[in-house]
């Protein structure tokens, strides 16, 4: 047996449309040059069980196998072809609008499908063009098409303009999104650097403050304003505001900042001074 070109699926009237199946079957038979007397057999062989029962009931009291092709197709067309209202089909056509996210070319194809049973005749292309434009929602595509001359604008050209505008809008959206992302990234990095700089500055200030010695008592860890000895008088120079161990006026020798004789007293009892001061050897 010669290799067949193409294939035909099983027809189930509950889920498939008869007219589509019939046209596919007709082309399959012609393409593979099947003998006309075998056409009915090929059709019956591609019916589901429920579809076969339906065909058998439709041709009763005749047997399905002896019915001629033309009669069988006439019976099936009469059963599956619904009674149509031209005005109802036109109402669907005139009321159609482009759905959100629907591509321009898909919108045009859907309109053609809605116009199949409208019997527009020679006005088909004009009505398709008008519905294609008017069915677009407010946006760049519709604005651009509204600027065109209706006397020279064709449906194919309207589709091209709408596609070009849609592509340009998508490209602008990508560019704007990239620029916004870059700006956000730059702001984030600048903020991050500022935060790190502020943190480092605070740590540096804290370290400097911690390392600095009080000009009143010579100890670390506090400022002059908070020193408990800021109102004491120096036993060397007699001035108020510092202790003798930090006094710049020295009567005997040169003392270091932390050197202080244990026998010397500033007239106060300071346990911290006793812990931090060291006795120098003479």
C-alpha atoms as a PDB file:
ATOM      1  CA  UNK A   1       0.000   0.000   0.000  1.00  0.00           C
ATOM      2  CA  UNK A   2       1.332   3.440  -0.952  1.00  0.00           C
ATOM      3  CA  UNK A   3       2.384   5.853   1.750  1.00  0.00           C
ATOM      4  CA  UNK A   4      -0.497   8.177   2.665  1.00  0.00           C
ATOM      5  CA  UNK A   5       0.017  11.918   2.755  1.00  0.00           C
ATOM      6  CA  UNK A   6      -1.224  13.510   5.958  1.00  0.00           C
ATOM      7  CA  UNK A   7      -3.605  11.948   8.462  1.00  0.00           C
ATOM      8  CA  UNK A   8      -7.174  12.328   9.679  1.00  0.00           C
ATOM      9  CA  UNK A   9      -8.157  12.090  13.320  1.00  0.00           C
ATOM     10  CA  UNK A  10     -11.264  10.317  14.560  1.00  0.00           C
ATOM     11  CA  UNK A  11     -14.400  12.458  14.431  1.00  0.00           C
ATOM     12  CA  UNK A  12     -16.387  12.899  17.652  1.00  0.00           C
ATOM     13  CA  UNK A  13     -19.411  15.141  17.160  1.00  0.00           C
ATOM     14  CA  UNK A  14     -19.491  15.973  20.884  1.00  0.00           C
ATOM     15  CA  UNK A  15     -16.145  17.770  20.847  1.00  0.00           C
ATOM     16  CA  UNK A  16     -15.437  18.541  17.161  1.00  0.00           C
ATOM     17  CA  UNK A  17     -17.021  20.662  14.454  1.00  0.00           C
ATOM     18  CA  UNK A  18     -18.360  18.664  11.540  1.00  0.00           C
ATOM     19  CA  UNK A  19     -17.617  21.235   8.843  1.00  0.00           C
ATOM     20  CA  UNK A  20     -13.942  21.408   9.799  1.00  0.00           C
ATOM     21  CA  UNK A  21     -13.624  17.633   9.851  1.00  0.00           C
ATOM     22  CA  UNK A  22     -15.471  17.302   6.533  1.00  0.00           C
ATOM     23  CA  UNK A  23     -13.186  19.778   4.715  1.00  0.00           C
ATOM     24  CA  UNK A  24     -10.077  18.083   6.075  1.00  0.00           C
ATOM     25  CA  UNK A  25     -11.394  14.665   5.071  1.00  0.00           C
ATOM     26  CA  UNK A  26     -12.305  15.863   1.571  1.00  0.00           C
ATOM     27  CA  UNK A  27      -8.801  17.228   0.970  1.00  0.00           C
ATOM     28  CA  UNK A  28      -7.226  14.083   2.417  1.00  0.00           C
ATOM     29  CA  UNK A  29      -9.212  11.897   0.002  1.00  0.00           C
ATOM     30  CA  UNK A  30      -8.292  14.031  -3.020  1.00  0.00           C
ATOM     31  CA  UNK A  31      -4.629  14.374  -2.055  1.00  0.00           C
ATOM     32  CA  UNK A  32      -4.214  10.619  -1.684  1.00  0.00           C
ATOM     33  CA  UNK A  33      -6.341   9.926  -4.805  1.00  0.00           C
ATOM     34  CA  UNK A  34      -8.718   7.593  -2.992  1.00  0.00           C
ATOM     35  CA  UNK A  35     -11.316   6.050  -5.287  1.00  0.00           C
ATOM     36  CA  UNK A  36     -14.721   7.724  -5.041  1.00  0.00           C
ATOM     37  CA  UNK A  37     -16.469   4.440  -4.194  1.00  0.00           C
ATOM     38  CA  UNK A  38     -14.266   4.137  -1.097  1.00  0.00           C
ATOM     39  CA  UNK A  39     -14.966   7.587   0.325  1.00  0.00           C
ATOM     40  CA  UNK A  40     -17.892   6.453   2.485  1.00  0.00           C
ATOM     41  CA  UNK A  41     -15.791   3.651   3.939  1.00  0.00           C
ATOM     42  CA  UNK A  42     -12.973   6.053   4.852  1.00  0.00           C
ATOM     43  CA  UNK A  43     -15.472   8.389   6.530  1.00  0.00           C
ATOM     44  CA  UNK A  44     -17.117   5.604   8.543  1.00  0.00           C
ATOM     45  CA  UNK A  45     -13.715   4.269   9.599  1.00  0.00           C
ATOM     46  CA  UNK A  46     -12.896   7.675  11.122  1.00  0.00           C
ATOM     47  CA  UNK A  47     -16.061   7.976  13.240  1.00  0.00           C
ATOM     48  CA  UNK A  48     -16.073   7.499  16.992  1.00  0.00           C
ATOM     49  CA  UNK A  49     -18.561   5.016  18.458  1.00  0.00           C
ATOM     50  CA  UNK A  50     -21.035   7.742  19.426  1.00  0.00           C
ATOM     51  CA  UNK A  51     -20.698   9.446  16.042  1.00  0.00           C
ATOM     52  CA  UNK A  52     -21.282   6.145  14.232  1.00  0.00           C
ATOM     53  CA  UNK A  53     -24.468   5.514  16.251  1.00  0.00           C
ATOM     54  CA  UNK A  54     -25.675   9.014  15.350  1.00  0.00           C
ATOM     55  CA  UNK A  55     -25.026   8.475  11.615  1.00  0.00           C
ATOM     56  CA  UNK A  56     -26.763   5.110  11.758  1.00  0.00           C
ATOM     57  CA  UNK A  57     -29.839   6.709  13.314  1.00  0.00           C
ATOM     58  CA  UNK A  58     -29.854   9.539  10.782  1.00  0.00           C
ATOM     59  CA  UNK A  59     -29.919   7.216   7.734  1.00  0.00           C
ATOM     60  CA  UNK A  60     -32.350   4.695   9.243  1.00  0.00           C
ATOM     61  CA  UNK A  61     -33.952   2.562   7.867  1.00  0.00           C
ATOM     62  CA  UNK A  62     -31.067   2.342   5.388  1.00  0.00           C
ATOM     63  CA  UNK A  63     -27.808   0.705   6.342  1.00  0.00           C
ATOM     64  CA  UNK A  64     -24.862   3.066   6.734  1.00  0.00           C
ATOM     65  CA  UNK A  65     -22.617   0.934   4.561  1.00  0.00           C
ATOM     66  CA  UNK A  66     -24.896   1.155   1.466  1.00  0.00           C
ATOM     67  CA  UNK A  67     -25.576   4.902   1.587  1.00  0.00           C
ATOM     68  CA  UNK A  68     -23.921   6.899  -1.202  1.00  0.00           C
ATOM     69  CA  UNK A  69     -21.333   9.571  -0.427  1.00  0.00           C
ATOM     70  CA  UNK A  70     -23.437  12.526  -1.572  1.00  0.00           C
ATOM     71  CA  UNK A  71     -26.462  11.381   0.415  1.00  0.00           C
ATOM     72  CA  UNK A  72     -24.387  10.709   3.537  1.00  0.00           C
ATOM     73  CA  UNK A  73     -22.763  14.162   3.391  1.00  0.00           C
ATOM     74  CA  UNK A  74     -26.164  15.808   2.782  1.00  0.00           C
ATOM     75  CA  UNK A  75     -27.630  14.117   5.852  1.00  0.00           C
ATOM     76  CA  UNK A  76     -24.686  15.061   8.050  1.00  0.00           C
ATOM     77  CA  UNK A  77     -24.632  18.664   6.798  1.00  0.00           C
ATOM     78  CA  UNK A  78     -28.334  19.008   7.488  1.00  0.00           C
ATOM     79  CA  UNK A  79     -27.932  17.666  11.007  1.00  0.00           C
ATOM     80  CA  UNK A  80     -24.775  19.511  12.084  1.00  0.00           C
ATOM     81  CA  UNK A  81     -25.273  22.830  10.299  1.00  0.00           C
ATOM     82  CA  UNK A  82     -27.203  25.014  12.755  1.00  0.00           C
ATOM     83  CA  UNK A  83     -29.865  27.452  11.654  1.00  0.00           C
ATOM     84  CA  UNK A  84     -28.162  30.810  11.624  1.00  0.00           C
ATOM     85  CA  UNK A  85     -29.374  34.378  11.950  1.00  0.00           C
ATOM     86  CA  UNK A  86     -27.414  36.796   9.824  1.00  0.00           C
ATOM     87  CA  UNK A  87     -28.273  39.695  12.109  1.00  0.00           C
ATOM     88  CA  UNK A  88     -27.142  37.749  15.171  1.00  0.00           C
ATOM     89  CA  UNK A  89     -23.807  37.008  13.494  1.00  0.00           C
ATOM     90  CA  UNK A  90     -23.437  40.658  12.498  1.00  0.00           C
ATOM     91  CA  UNK A  91     -24.227  41.777  16.031  1.00  0.00           C
ATOM     92  CA  UNK A  92     -21.324  39.654  17.286  1.00  0.00           C
ATOM     93  CA  UNK A  93     -19.083  41.103  14.579  1.00  0.00           C
ATOM     94  CA  UNK A  94     -19.972  44.746  15.268  1.00  0.00           C
ATOM     95  CA  UNK A  95     -19.681  44.264  19.032  1.00  0.00           C
ATOM     96  CA  UNK A  96     -16.263  42.607  18.958  1.00  0.00           C
ATOM     97  CA  UNK A  97     -13.340  44.390  20.633  1.00  0.00           C
ATOM     98  CA  UNK A  98      -9.694  43.527  20.992  1.00  0.00           C
ATOM     99  CA  UNK A  99      -9.025  41.646  24.229  1.00  0.00           C
ATOM    100  CA  UNK A 100      -6.275  42.605  26.670  1.00  0.00           C
ATOM    101  CA  UNK A 101      -2.988  41.027  25.651  1.00  0.00           C
ATOM    102  CA  UNK A 102      -4.339  39.892  22.266  1.00  0.00           C
ATOM    103  CA  UNK A 103      -1.826  40.318  19.448  1.00  0.00           C
ATOM    104  CA  UNK A 104      -2.781  42.542  16.527  1.00  0.00           C
ATOM    105  CA  UNK A 105      -2.659  39.695  14.002  1.00  0.00           C
ATOM    106  CA  UNK A 106      -4.760  37.440  16.241  1.00  0.00           C
ATOM    107  CA  UNK A 107      -7.337  40.198  16.620  1.00  0.00           C
ATOM    108  CA  UNK A 108      -7.587  40.535  12.831  1.00  0.00           C
ATOM    109  CA  UNK A 109      -7.926  36.760  12.389  1.00  0.00           C
ATOM    110  CA  UNK A 110     -10.685  36.571  14.996  1.00  0.00           C
ATOM    111  CA  UNK A 111     -12.600  39.298  13.190  1.00  0.00           C
ATOM    112  CA  UNK A 112     -12.426  37.360   9.922  1.00  0.00           C
ATOM    113  CA  UNK A 113     -13.860  34.328  11.688  1.00  0.00           C
ATOM    114  CA  UNK A 114     -16.769  36.381  13.029  1.00  0.00           C
ATOM    115  CA  UNK A 115     -17.511  37.683   9.513  1.00  0.00           C
ATOM    116  CA  UNK A 116     -17.809  34.255   7.892  1.00  0.00           C
ATOM    117  CA  UNK A 117     -21.611  34.032   8.217  1.00  0.00           C
ATOM    118  CA  UNK A 118     -22.377  37.743   7.991  1.00  0.00           C
ATOM    119  CA  UNK A 119     -22.853  37.827   4.200  1.00  0.00           C
ATOM    120  CA  UNK A 120     -21.100  41.172   3.773  1.00  0.00           C
ATOM    121  CA  UNK A 121     -20.330  40.515   0.120  1.00  0.00           C
ATOM    122  CA  UNK A 122     -18.164  43.136  -1.573  1.00  0.00           C
ATOM    123  CA  UNK A 123     -18.163  45.306   1.564  1.00  0.00           C
ATOM    124  CA  UNK A 124     -16.260  42.704   3.560  1.00  0.00           C
ATOM    125  CA  UNK A 125     -12.790  44.316   3.400  1.00  0.00           C
ATOM    126  CA  UNK A 126     -14.089  47.780   4.316  1.00  0.00           C
ATOM    127  CA  UNK A 127     -16.145  46.487   7.234  1.00  0.00           C
ATOM    128  CA  UNK A 128     -13.255  44.362   8.465  1.00  0.00           C
ATOM    129  CA  UNK A 129     -10.954  47.406   8.384  1.00  0.00           C
ATOM    130  CA  UNK A 130     -13.437  49.603  10.223  1.00  0.00           C
ATOM    131  CA  UNK A 131     -14.159  47.019  12.925  1.00  0.00           C
ATOM    132  CA  UNK A 132     -10.457  46.284  13.282  1.00  0.00           C
ATOM    133  CA  UNK A 133      -9.734  49.951  14.052  1.00  0.00           C
ATOM    134  CA  UNK A 134     -12.825  50.739  16.110  1.00  0.00           C
ATOM    135  CA  UNK A 135     -12.411  47.555  18.130  1.00  0.00           C
ATOM    136  CA  UNK A 136      -9.014  48.687  19.408  1.00  0.00           C
ATOM    137  CA  UNK A 137      -8.959  50.111  22.906  1.00  0.00           C
ATOM    138  CA  UNK A 138      -7.700  53.638  23.574  1.00  0.00           C
ATOM    139  CA  UNK A 139      -3.951  53.669  23.064  1.00  0.00           C
ATOM    140  CA  UNK A 140      -1.102  54.413  20.635  1.00  0.00           C
ATOM    141  CA  UNK A 141      -2.322  51.924  17.991  1.00  0.00           C
ATOM    142  CA  UNK A 142      -5.790  53.444  17.796  1.00  0.00           C
ATOM    143  CA  UNK A 143      -4.451  57.018  17.870  1.00  0.00           C
ATOM    144  CA  UNK A 144      -2.077  56.279  15.004  1.00  0.00           C
ATOM    145  CA  UNK A 145      -4.801  54.660  12.872  1.00  0.00           C
ATOM    146  CA  UNK A 146      -7.220  57.515  13.525  1.00  0.00           C
ATOM    147  CA  UNK A 147      -4.717  59.803  11.794  1.00  0.00           C
ATOM    148  CA  UNK A 148      -4.899  57.827   8.539  1.00  0.00           C
ATOM    149  CA  UNK A 149      -6.989  58.673   5.465  1.00  0.00           C
ATOM    150  CA  UNK A 150     -10.002  56.350   5.301  1.00  0.00           C
ATOM    151  CA  UNK A 151     -10.178  56.661   1.488  1.00  0.00           C
ATOM    152  CA  UNK A 152      -6.772  55.078   0.949  1.00  0.00           C
ATOM    153  CA  UNK A 153      -6.264  52.942   4.071  1.00  0.00           C
ATOM    154  CA  UNK A 154      -6.664  49.205   3.487  1.00  0.00           C
ATOM    155  CA  UNK A 155      -7.086  46.440   6.050  1.00  0.00           C
ATOM    156  CA  UNK A 156      -3.612  45.026   5.409  1.00  0.00           C
ATOM    157  CA  UNK A 157      -2.023  48.459   5.843  1.00  0.00           C
ATOM    158  CA  UNK A 158      -4.017  49.085   9.026  1.00  0.00           C
ATOM    159  CA  UNK A 159      -2.695  45.811  10.455  1.00  0.00           C
ATOM    160  CA  UNK A 160       0.881  46.783   9.562  1.00  0.00           C
ATOM    161  CA  UNK A 161       0.547  50.207  11.235  1.00  0.00           C
ATOM    162  CA  UNK A 162      -0.938  48.654  14.374  1.00  0.00           C
ATOM    163  CA  UNK A 163       1.867  46.068  14.513  1.00  0.00           C
ATOM    164  CA  UNK A 164       4.569  48.725  14.076  1.00  0.00           C
ATOM    165  CA  UNK A 165       3.059  50.884  16.825  1.00  0.00           C
ATOM    166  CA  UNK A 166       2.711  47.916  19.189  1.00  0.00           C
ATOM    167  CA  UNK A 167       6.351  46.928  18.615  1.00  0.00           C
ATOM    168  CA  UNK A 168       7.531  50.507  19.222  1.00  0.00           C
ATOM    169  CA  UNK A 169       5.533  50.700  22.452  1.00  0.00           C
ATOM    170  CA  UNK A 170       6.985  47.397  23.669  1.00  0.00           C
ATOM    171  CA  UNK A 171      10.513  48.596  22.849  1.00  0.00           C
ATOM    172  CA  UNK A 172       9.980  51.845  24.766  1.00  0.00           C
ATOM    173  CA  UNK A 173       8.649  49.912  27.734  1.00  0.00           C
ATOM    174  CA  UNK A 174      11.794  47.747  27.764  1.00  0.00           C
ATOM    175  CA  UNK A 175      14.072  50.798  27.555  1.00  0.00           C
ATOM    176  CA  UNK A 176      12.175  52.655  30.281  1.00  0.00           C
ATOM    177  CA  UNK A 177      12.258  49.590  32.502  1.00  0.00           C
ATOM    178  CA  UNK A 178      16.015  49.200  32.022  1.00  0.00           C
ATOM    179  CA  UNK A 179      16.658  52.878  32.776  1.00  0.00           C
ATOM    180  CA  UNK A 180      14.524  52.716  35.898  1.00  0.00           C
ATOM    181  CA  UNK A 181      16.407  49.643  37.055  1.00  0.00           C
ATOM    182  CA  UNK A 182      19.736  51.381  36.473  1.00  0.00           C
ATOM    183  CA  UNK A 183      18.591  54.462  38.411  1.00  0.00           C
ATOM    184  CA  UNK A 184      17.411  52.326  41.306  1.00  0.00           C
ATOM    185  CA  UNK A 185      20.708  50.446  41.298  1.00  0.00           C
ATOM    186  CA  UNK A 186      22.687  53.708  41.324  1.00  0.00           C
ATOM    187  CA  UNK A 187      20.603  55.123  44.181  1.00  0.00           C
ATOM    188  CA  UNK A 188      21.059  51.902  46.097  1.00  0.00           C
ATOM    189  CA  UNK A 189      24.818  51.909  45.599  1.00  0.00           C
ATOM    190  CA  UNK A 190      25.140  55.590  46.543  1.00  0.00           C
ATOM    191  CA  UNK A 191      23.011  55.047  49.636  1.00  0.00           C
ATOM    192  CA  UNK A 192      25.062  51.997  50.520  1.00  0.00           C
ATOM    193  CA  UNK A 193      28.333  53.940  50.188  1.00  0.00           C
ATOM    194  CA  UNK A 194      26.926  56.784  52.257  1.00  0.00           C
ATOM    195  CA  UNK A 195      25.782  54.367  54.915  1.00  0.00           C
ATOM    196  CA  UNK A 196      29.194  52.714  55.008  1.00  0.00           C
ATOM    197  CA  UNK A 197      30.868  56.129  55.131  1.00  0.00           C
ATOM    198  CA  UNK A 198      28.609  57.300  57.959  1.00  0.00           C
ATOM    199  CA  UNK A 199      29.230  54.102  59.855  1.00  0.00           C
ATOM    200  CA  UNK A 200      32.984  54.372  59.390  1.00  0.00           C
ATOM    201  CA  UNK A 201      32.905  58.021  60.439  1.00  0.00           C
ATOM    202  CA  UNK A 202      30.906  57.178  63.563  1.00  0.00           C
ATOM    203  CA  UNK A 203      33.308  54.368  64.439  1.00  0.00           C
ATOM    204  CA  UNK A 204      36.259  56.680  63.843  1.00  0.00           C
ATOM    205  CA  UNK A 205      34.708  59.399  66.013  1.00  0.00           C
ATOM    206  CA  UNK A 206      33.985  56.901  68.746  1.00  0.00           C
ATOM    207  CA  UNK A 207      37.530  55.526  68.570  1.00  0.00           C
ATOM    208  CA  UNK A 208      38.980  59.036  68.662  1.00  0.00           C
ATOM    209  CA  UNK A 209      36.827  59.953  71.622  1.00  0.00           C
ATOM    210  CA  UNK A 210      37.742  56.737  73.389  1.00  0.00           C
ATOM    211  CA  UNK A 211      41.451  57.234  72.726  1.00  0.00           C
ATOM    212  CA  UNK A 212      41.526  60.903  73.837  1.00  0.00           C
ATOM    213  CA  UNK A 213      42.611  61.741  77.363  1.00  0.00           C
ATOM    214  CA  UNK A 214      40.724  64.113  79.600  1.00  0.00           C
ATOM    215  CA  UNK A 215      42.544  67.456  79.924  1.00  0.00           C
ATOM    216  CA  UNK A 216      41.367  67.721  83.547  1.00  0.00           C
ATOM    217  CA  UNK A 217      42.450  64.395  85.060  1.00  0.00           C
ATOM    218  CA  UNK A 218      44.437  62.730  82.280  1.00  0.00           C
ATOM    219  CA  UNK A 219      42.273  59.610  82.162  1.00  0.00           C
ATOM    220  CA  UNK A 220      40.465  58.133  79.128  1.00  0.00           C
ATOM    221  CA  UNK A 221      36.844  57.334  78.473  1.00  0.00           C
ATOM    222  CA  UNK A 222      35.171  60.682  79.190  1.00  0.00           C
ATOM    223  CA  UNK A 223      35.161  64.295  78.090  1.00  0.00           C
ATOM    224  CA  UNK A 224      36.257  67.412  79.997  1.00  0.00           C
ATOM    225  CA  UNK A 225      32.634  68.451  80.541  1.00  0.00           C
ATOM    226  CA  UNK A 226      31.840  65.177  82.283  1.00  0.00           C
ATOM    227  CA  UNK A 227      35.005  64.968  84.373  1.00  0.00           C
ATOM    228  CA  UNK A 228      34.294  64.933  88.112  1.00  0.00           C
ATOM    229  CA  UNK A 229      37.475  66.907  88.795  1.00  0.00           C
ATOM    230  CA  UNK A 230      36.769  69.868  86.538  1.00  0.00           C
ATOM    231  CA  UNK A 231      36.093  72.127  89.559  1.00  0.00           C
ATOM    232  CA  UNK A 232      39.266  71.091  91.449  1.00  0.00           C
ATOM    233  CA  UNK A 233      42.325  73.353  91.780  1.00  0.00           C
ATOM    234  CA  UNK A 234      45.765  72.276  90.684  1.00  0.00           C
ATOM    235  CA  UNK A 235      48.242  71.838  93.583  1.00  0.00           C
ATOM    236  CA  UNK A 236      51.102  73.041  91.378  1.00  0.00           C
ATOM    237  CA  UNK A 237      49.816  76.155  89.654  1.00  0.00           C
ATOM    238  CA  UNK A 238      46.760  76.773  91.823  1.00  0.00           C
ATOM    239  CA  UNK A 239      44.491  77.186  88.812  1.00  0.00           C
ATOM    240  CA  UNK A 240      41.045  75.613  88.715  1.00  0.00           C
ATOM    241  CA  UNK A 241      40.109  73.073  86.060  1.00  0.00           C
ATOM    242  CA  UNK A 242      42.838  70.418  86.155  1.00  0.00           C
ATOM    243  CA  UNK A 243      44.845  68.192  88.429  1.00  0.00           C
ATOM    244  CA  UNK A 244      48.542  68.510  89.002  1.00  0.00           C
ATOM    245  CA  UNK A 245      49.437  65.406  86.974  1.00  0.00           C
ATOM    246  CA  UNK A 246      48.331  67.158  83.790  1.00  0.00           C
ATOM    247  CA  UNK A 247      49.596  70.581  84.764  1.00  0.00           C
ATOM    248  CA  UNK A 248      51.809  72.215  82.153  1.00  0.00           C
ATOM    249  CA  UNK A 249      53.750  74.115  84.814  1.00  0.00           C
ATOM    250  CA  UNK A 250      56.286  71.804  86.405  1.00  0.00           C
ATOM    251  CA  UNK A 251      58.274  72.781  89.468  1.00  0.00           C
ATOM    252  CA  UNK A 252      60.537  69.774  89.563  1.00  0.00           C
ATOM    253  CA  UNK A 253      61.562  67.763  86.478  1.00  0.00           C
ATOM    254  CA  UNK A 254      59.315  66.674  83.602  1.00  0.00           C
ATOM    255  CA  UNK A 255      56.493  64.338  84.430  1.00  0.00           C
ATOM    256  CA  UNK A 256      54.752  62.143  81.900  1.00  0.00           C
ATOM    257  CA  UNK A 257      51.018  62.233  81.457  1.00  0.00           C
ATOM    258  CA  UNK A 258      50.312  59.144  83.493  1.00  0.00           C
ATOM    259  CA  UNK A 259      53.129  59.476  86.114  1.00  0.00           C
ATOM    260  CA  UNK A 260      52.081  60.496  89.593  1.00  0.00           C
ATOM    261  CA  UNK A 261      53.622  59.891  93.025  1.00  0.00           C
ATOM    262  CA  UNK A 262      51.496  57.768  95.287  1.00  0.00           C
ATOM    263  CA  UNK A 263      52.331  59.998  98.270  1.00  0.00           C
ATOM    264  CA  UNK A 264      51.061  63.085  96.495  1.00  0.00           C
ATOM    265  CA  UNK A 265      47.445  63.941  96.826  1.00  0.00           C
ATOM    266  CA  UNK A 266      45.142  66.396  95.091  1.00  0.00           C
ATOM    267  CA  UNK A 267      42.862  66.546  98.059  1.00  0.00           C
ATOM    268  CA  UNK A 268      40.465  63.942  96.813  1.00  0.00           C
ATOM    269  CA  UNK A 269      40.072  60.193  96.869  1.00  0.00           C
ATOM    270  CA  UNK A 270      39.914  58.677  93.385  1.00  0.00           C
ATOM    271  CA  UNK A 271      40.047  54.910  93.017  1.00  0.00           C
ATOM    272  CA  UNK A 272      40.376  55.202  89.228  1.00  0.00           C
ATOM    273  CA  UNK A 273      43.473  57.328  89.618  1.00  0.00           C
ATOM    274  CA  UNK A 274      44.977  54.737  91.949  1.00  0.00           C
ATOM    275  CA  UNK A 275      44.415  52.064  89.313  1.00  0.00           C
ATOM    276  CA  UNK A 276      45.825  53.986  86.345  1.00  0.00           C
ATOM    277  CA  UNK A 277      48.698  55.939  87.893  1.00  0.00           C
ATOM    278  CA  UNK A 278      52.171  54.447  88.059  1.00  0.00           C
ATOM    279  CA  UNK A 279      55.024  55.410  90.375  1.00  0.00           C
ATOM    280  CA  UNK A 280      58.177  56.452  88.567  1.00  0.00           C
ATOM    281  CA  UNK A 281      61.549  55.502  89.839  1.00  0.00           C
ATOM    282  CA  UNK A 282      63.980  58.308  90.575  1.00  0.00           C
END
